[in-house]
C-alpha atoms as a PDB file:
ATOM      1  CA  MET A   1     -76.885  73.093  33.785  1.00  0.00           C
ATOM      2  CA  ILE A   2     -75.373  74.192  37.080  1.00  0.00           C
ATOM      3  CA  LEU A   3     -71.715  73.507  37.881  1.00  0.00           C
ATOM      4  CA  LYS A   4     -71.115  73.988  41.623  1.00  0.00           C
ATOM      5  CA  LEU A   5     -67.600  75.035  42.596  1.00  0.00           C
ATOM      6  CA  LYS A   6     -66.207  75.978  46.013  1.00  0.00           C
ATOM      7  CA  ASP A   7     -66.373  79.690  45.161  1.00  0.00           C
ATOM      8  CA  GLY A   8     -69.841  79.735  43.563  1.00  0.00           C
ATOM      9  CA  ASP A   9     -72.260  78.369  40.981  1.00  0.00           C
ATOM     10  CA  VAL A  10     -71.650  78.449  37.232  1.00  0.00           C
ATOM     11  CA  LYS A  11     -74.593  78.324  34.831  1.00  0.00           C
ATOM     12  CA  ILE A  12     -73.865  76.603  31.516  1.00  0.00           C
ATOM     13  CA  GLU A  13     -76.124  76.809  28.485  1.00  0.00           C
ATOM     14  CA  MET A  14     -75.961  73.574  26.496  1.00  0.00           C
ATOM     15  CA  PHE A  15     -76.087  73.499  22.664  1.00  0.00           C
ATOM     16  CA  PRO A  16     -78.072  70.381  21.657  1.00  0.00           C
ATOM     17  CA  ASP A  17     -78.695  71.868  18.203  1.00  0.00           C
ATOM     18  CA  VAL A  18     -74.984  71.681  17.227  1.00  0.00           C
ATOM     19  CA  ALA A  19     -73.693  68.807  19.406  1.00  0.00           C
ATOM     20  CA  PRO A  20     -76.658  66.620  20.401  1.00  0.00           C
ATOM     21  CA  ASN A  21     -74.679  63.511  21.315  1.00  0.00           C
ATOM     22  CA  HIS A  22     -72.143  65.435  23.391  1.00  0.00           C
ATOM     23  CA  VAL A  23     -74.874  67.309  25.265  1.00  0.00           C
ATOM     24  CA  LYS A  24     -76.656  64.006  25.915  1.00  0.00           C
ATOM     25  CA  ARG A  25     -73.435  62.374  27.218  1.00  0.00           C
ATOM     26  CA  ILE A  26     -72.391  65.252  29.477  1.00  0.00           C
ATOM     27  CA  SER A  27     -75.945  65.587  30.823  1.00  0.00           C
ATOM     28  CA  GLU A  28     -76.207  61.843  31.498  1.00  0.00           C
ATOM     29  CA  LEU A  29     -72.895  61.713  33.360  1.00  0.00           C
ATOM     30  CA  ALA A  30     -73.674  64.906  35.278  1.00  0.00           C
ATOM     31  CA  ASN A  31     -77.165  63.877  36.320  1.00  0.00           C
ATOM     32  CA  ASN A  32     -75.834  60.495  37.479  1.00  0.00           C
ATOM     33  CA  GLY A  33     -73.352  62.259  39.777  1.00  0.00           C
ATOM     34  CA  LYS A  34     -70.301  61.106  37.834  1.00  0.00           C
ATOM     35  CA  TYR A  35     -68.678  64.574  37.878  1.00  0.00           C
ATOM     36  CA  ASP A  36     -69.145  65.158  41.617  1.00  0.00           C
ATOM     37  CA  ASN A  37     -65.698  65.512  43.295  1.00  0.00           C
ATOM     38  CA  VAL A  38     -63.835  65.348  39.952  1.00  0.00           C
ATOM     39  CA  VAL A  39     -60.751  67.577  39.921  1.00  0.00           C
ATOM     40  CA  PHE A  40     -59.649  70.205  37.421  1.00  0.00           C
ATOM     41  CA  HIS A  41     -56.464  68.303  36.549  1.00  0.00           C
ATOM     42  CA  ARG A  42     -55.147  70.600  33.791  1.00  0.00           C
ATOM     43  CA  VAL A  43     -55.523  74.367  34.123  1.00  0.00           C
ATOM     44  CA  ILE A  44     -53.525  76.751  31.954  1.00  0.00           C
ATOM     45  CA  ASP A  45     -53.793  80.442  32.840  1.00  0.00           C
ATOM     46  CA  GLY A  46     -55.172  82.460  29.924  1.00  0.00           C
ATOM     47  CA  PHE A  47     -56.218  79.294  28.056  1.00  0.00           C
ATOM     48  CA  MET A  48     -58.528  76.765  29.730  1.00  0.00           C
ATOM     49  CA  ALA A  49     -59.510  74.613  32.718  1.00  0.00           C
ATOM     50  CA  GLN A  50     -59.926  70.886  32.000  1.00  0.00           C
ATOM     51  CA  THR A  51     -61.858  68.376  34.105  1.00  0.00           C
ATOM     52  CA  GLY A  52     -64.140  65.393  33.674  1.00  0.00           C
ATOM     53  CA  ASP A  53     -61.911  62.344  34.132  1.00  0.00           C
ATOM     54  CA  VAL A  54     -64.509  60.304  35.996  1.00  0.00           C
ATOM     55  CA  LYS A  55     -62.206  57.263  36.203  1.00  0.00           C
ATOM     56  CA  PHE A  56     -59.002  58.676  37.736  1.00  0.00           C
ATOM     57  CA  GLY A  57     -60.050  62.230  38.618  1.00  0.00           C
ATOM     58  CA  ASN A  58     -62.711  61.648  41.288  1.00  0.00           C
ATOM     59  CA  SER A  59     -60.999  62.706  44.502  1.00  0.00           C
ATOM     60  CA  GLU A  60     -63.438  60.612  46.582  1.00  0.00           C
ATOM     61  CA  SER A  61     -63.004  57.379  44.575  1.00  0.00           C
ATOM     62  CA  LYS A  62     -60.735  54.426  45.342  1.00  0.00           C
ATOM     63  CA  ASP A  63     -59.417  54.801  41.757  1.00  0.00           C
ATOM     64  CA  PHE A  64     -58.370  58.452  42.282  1.00  0.00           C
ATOM     65  CA  ASN A  65     -54.860  58.989  40.957  1.00  0.00           C
ATOM     66  CA  LEU A  66     -53.795  62.562  40.295  1.00  0.00           C
ATOM     67  CA  ALA A  67     -50.836  61.334  38.226  1.00  0.00           C
ATOM     68  CA  LYS A  68     -53.270  59.519  35.900  1.00  0.00           C
ATOM     69  CA  ALA A  69     -56.023  62.177  35.930  1.00  0.00           C
ATOM     70  CA  GLY A  70     -56.597  63.147  32.320  1.00  0.00           C
ATOM     71  CA  MET A  71     -55.979  59.631  30.993  1.00  0.00           C
ATOM     72  CA  GLY A  72     -59.375  58.168  31.867  1.00  0.00           C
ATOM     73  CA  GLY A  73     -62.986  58.530  30.902  1.00  0.00           C
ATOM     74  CA  SER A  74     -66.309  56.912  31.661  1.00  0.00           C
ATOM     75  CA  ASP A  75     -67.477  53.342  31.089  1.00  0.00           C
ATOM     76  CA  LEU A  76     -69.421  54.589  28.058  1.00  0.00           C
ATOM     77  CA  PRO A  77     -68.046  54.350  24.504  1.00  0.00           C
ATOM     78  CA  ASP A  78     -66.163  57.264  22.946  1.00  0.00           C
ATOM     79  CA  LEU A  79     -68.197  59.714  20.888  1.00  0.00           C
ATOM     80  CA  LYS A  80     -67.950  60.549  17.211  1.00  0.00           C
ATOM     81  CA  GLN A  81     -66.915  64.196  16.859  1.00  0.00           C
ATOM     82  CA  GLU A  82     -69.569  66.840  16.258  1.00  0.00           C
ATOM     83  CA  PHE A  83     -67.324  69.699  15.148  1.00  0.00           C
ATOM     84  CA  ASN A  84     -69.318  72.870  14.554  1.00  0.00           C
ATOM     85  CA  ASP A  85     -68.958  76.574  13.840  1.00  0.00           C
ATOM     86  CA  VAL A  86     -69.340  77.785  17.434  1.00  0.00           C
ATOM     87  CA  PRO A  87     -66.097  79.650  18.213  1.00  0.00           C
ATOM     88  CA  HIS A  88     -63.813  78.864  21.129  1.00  0.00           C
ATOM     89  CA  GLU A  89     -63.994  82.095  23.111  1.00  0.00           C
ATOM     90  CA  ARG A  90     -64.195  83.086  26.755  1.00  0.00           C
ATOM     91  CA  GLY A  91     -66.657  80.751  28.497  1.00  0.00           C
ATOM     92  CA  THR A  92     -66.864  78.147  25.735  1.00  0.00           C
ATOM     93  CA  VAL A  93     -67.337  74.579  27.009  1.00  0.00           C
ATOM     94  CA  SER A  94     -65.799  71.998  24.703  1.00  0.00           C
ATOM     95  CA  MET A  95     -65.036  68.269  24.716  1.00  0.00           C
ATOM     96  CA  ALA A  96     -61.479  67.176  25.392  1.00  0.00           C
ATOM     97  CA  ARG A  97     -60.064  64.339  23.301  1.00  0.00           C
ATOM     98  CA  SER A  98     -56.854  62.610  22.230  1.00  0.00           C
ATOM     99  CA  SER A  99     -55.355  63.004  18.763  1.00  0.00           C
ATOM    100  CA  ASP A 100     -58.247  60.854  17.467  1.00  0.00           C
ATOM    101  CA  PRO A 101     -61.138  63.239  16.639  1.00  0.00           C
ATOM    102  CA  ASP A 102     -63.619  60.529  17.695  1.00  0.00           C
ATOM    103  CA  SER A 103     -62.157  59.973  21.183  1.00  0.00           C
ATOM    104  CA  GLY A 104     -64.243  62.375  23.291  1.00  0.00           C
ATOM    105  CA  ASN A 105     -65.749  60.585  26.274  1.00  0.00           C
ATOM    106  CA  SER A 106     -66.253  62.458  29.559  1.00  0.00           C
ATOM    107  CA  GLN A 107     -63.523  65.094  29.810  1.00  0.00           C
ATOM    108  CA  PHE A 108     -64.232  68.692  28.908  1.00  0.00           C
ATOM    109  CA  PHE A 109     -62.676  72.113  29.213  1.00  0.00           C
ATOM    110  CA  ILE A 110     -63.812  75.686  29.709  1.00  0.00           C
ATOM    111  CA  CYS A 111     -61.935  78.456  27.899  1.00  0.00           C
ATOM    112  CA  PHE A 112     -60.623  81.413  29.912  1.00  0.00           C
ATOM    113  CA  ASP A 113     -60.083  83.387  26.722  1.00  0.00           C
ATOM    114  CA  GLN A 114     -60.420  83.198  22.935  1.00  0.00           C
ATOM    115  CA  ALA A 115     -58.766  80.074  21.451  1.00  0.00           C
ATOM    116  CA  SER A 116     -59.656  80.171  17.753  1.00  0.00           C
ATOM    117  CA  PHE A 117     -56.922  77.630  16.908  1.00  0.00           C
ATOM    118  CA  LEU A 118     -59.300  75.016  18.403  1.00  0.00           C
ATOM    119  CA  ASP A 119     -62.270  76.004  16.213  1.00  0.00           C
ATOM    120  CA  ARG A 120     -63.770  73.121  14.195  1.00  0.00           C
ATOM    121  CA  GLN A 121     -61.191  70.732  15.746  1.00  0.00           C
ATOM    122  CA  TYR A 122     -62.931  70.197  19.108  1.00  0.00           C
ATOM    123  CA  THR A 123     -66.651  69.810  19.767  1.00  0.00           C
ATOM    124  CA  VAL A 124     -68.188  72.856  21.435  1.00  0.00           C
ATOM    125  CA  PHE A 125     -71.301  71.802  23.341  1.00  0.00           C
ATOM    126  CA  GLY A 126     -72.010  74.705  25.680  1.00  0.00           C
ATOM    127  CA  LYS A 127     -71.114  78.103  27.090  1.00  0.00           C
ATOM    128  CA  VAL A 128     -70.885  79.674  30.530  1.00  0.00           C
ATOM    129  CA  ILE A 129     -73.664  82.265  30.786  1.00  0.00           C
ATOM    130  CA  GLU A 130     -73.334  83.095  34.510  1.00  0.00           C
ATOM    131  CA  GLY A 131     -70.523  82.693  37.028  1.00  0.00           C
ATOM    132  CA  MET A 132     -67.473  82.943  34.772  1.00  0.00           C
ATOM    133  CA  GLU A 133     -65.758  84.786  37.630  1.00  0.00           C
ATOM    134  CA  PHE A 134     -65.800  81.475  39.543  1.00  0.00           C
ATOM    135  CA  ILE A 135     -64.136  79.663  36.622  1.00  0.00           C
ATOM    136  CA  ASP A 136     -61.457  82.377  36.695  1.00  0.00           C
ATOM    137  CA  MET A 137     -60.790  81.488  40.358  1.00  0.00           C
ATOM    138  CA  ILE A 138     -59.931  77.824  39.651  1.00  0.00           C
ATOM    139  CA  LYS A 139     -56.409  77.042  40.828  1.00  0.00           C
ATOM    140  CA  LYS A 140     -53.969  77.288  37.890  1.00  0.00           C
ATOM    141  CA  GLY A 141     -51.414  74.638  37.030  1.00  0.00           C
ATOM    142  CA  ASP A 142     -47.684  74.783  36.523  1.00  0.00           C
ATOM    143  CA  GLY A 143     -45.767  74.914  33.270  1.00  0.00           C
ATOM    144  CA  GLN A 144     -46.988  74.352  29.731  1.00  0.00           C
ATOM    145  CA  ASN A 145     -48.964  71.194  30.503  1.00  0.00           C
ATOM    146  CA  GLY A 146     -50.926  72.941  33.267  1.00  0.00           C
ATOM    147  CA  SER A 147     -50.881  70.044  35.736  1.00  0.00           C
ATOM    148  CA  VAL A 148     -52.202  71.053  39.139  1.00  0.00           C
ATOM    149  CA  SER A 149     -50.632  69.585  42.285  1.00  0.00           C
ATOM    150  CA  ASP A 150     -53.494  70.482  44.666  1.00  0.00           C
ATOM    151  CA  PRO A 151     -56.453  70.910  42.290  1.00  0.00           C
ATOM    152  CA  ASP A 152     -59.861  72.433  42.785  1.00  0.00           C
ATOM    153  CA  LYS A 153     -62.785  70.115  42.100  1.00  0.00           C
ATOM    154  CA  ILE A 154     -66.382  70.061  40.947  1.00  0.00           C
ATOM    155  CA  ILE A 155     -68.743  69.885  43.938  1.00  0.00           C
ATOM    156  CA  SER A 156     -71.679  68.895  41.729  1.00  0.00           C
ATOM    157  CA  PHE A 157     -72.859  69.253  38.140  1.00  0.00           C
ATOM    158  CA  LYS A 158     -76.558  68.837  37.414  1.00  0.00           C
ATOM    159  CA  SER A 159     -79.416  69.996  35.224  1.00  0.00           C
ATOM    160  CA  LYS A 160     -81.247  72.973  36.674  1.00  0.00           C
END
């Protein structure tokens, strides 16, 4: 899949063999344009960039609310976890969730660096294979929670 950002295109290899339902969900939302204009609402330098709140995080939507970005999802039901043995390392794309392991919906994050403490606790469904330098350029947030006051956004996210 191709994630278009303001600084360049990011190619993501999806892993349907280890997380088929997550790949299907992300692909469906992406190909329906649900991620277009969605902000990176939580970005922690050296850790990860989180996006995908299609309810409150779409900067072009009437429901856009940066204060609520990260609390919403899609209109689709939450997914049952598909934890796997793919490690959280630089470029890993993984599903965000609440404390409930079966609460992944539309939000995801991309790791800037190794984060093995997340292994087998979050569903890895893909990996950046080209354009990681553009992920590195995403505007970082403030403090421990990584909230971003003037966030970068996804231009588009589609299958090749």
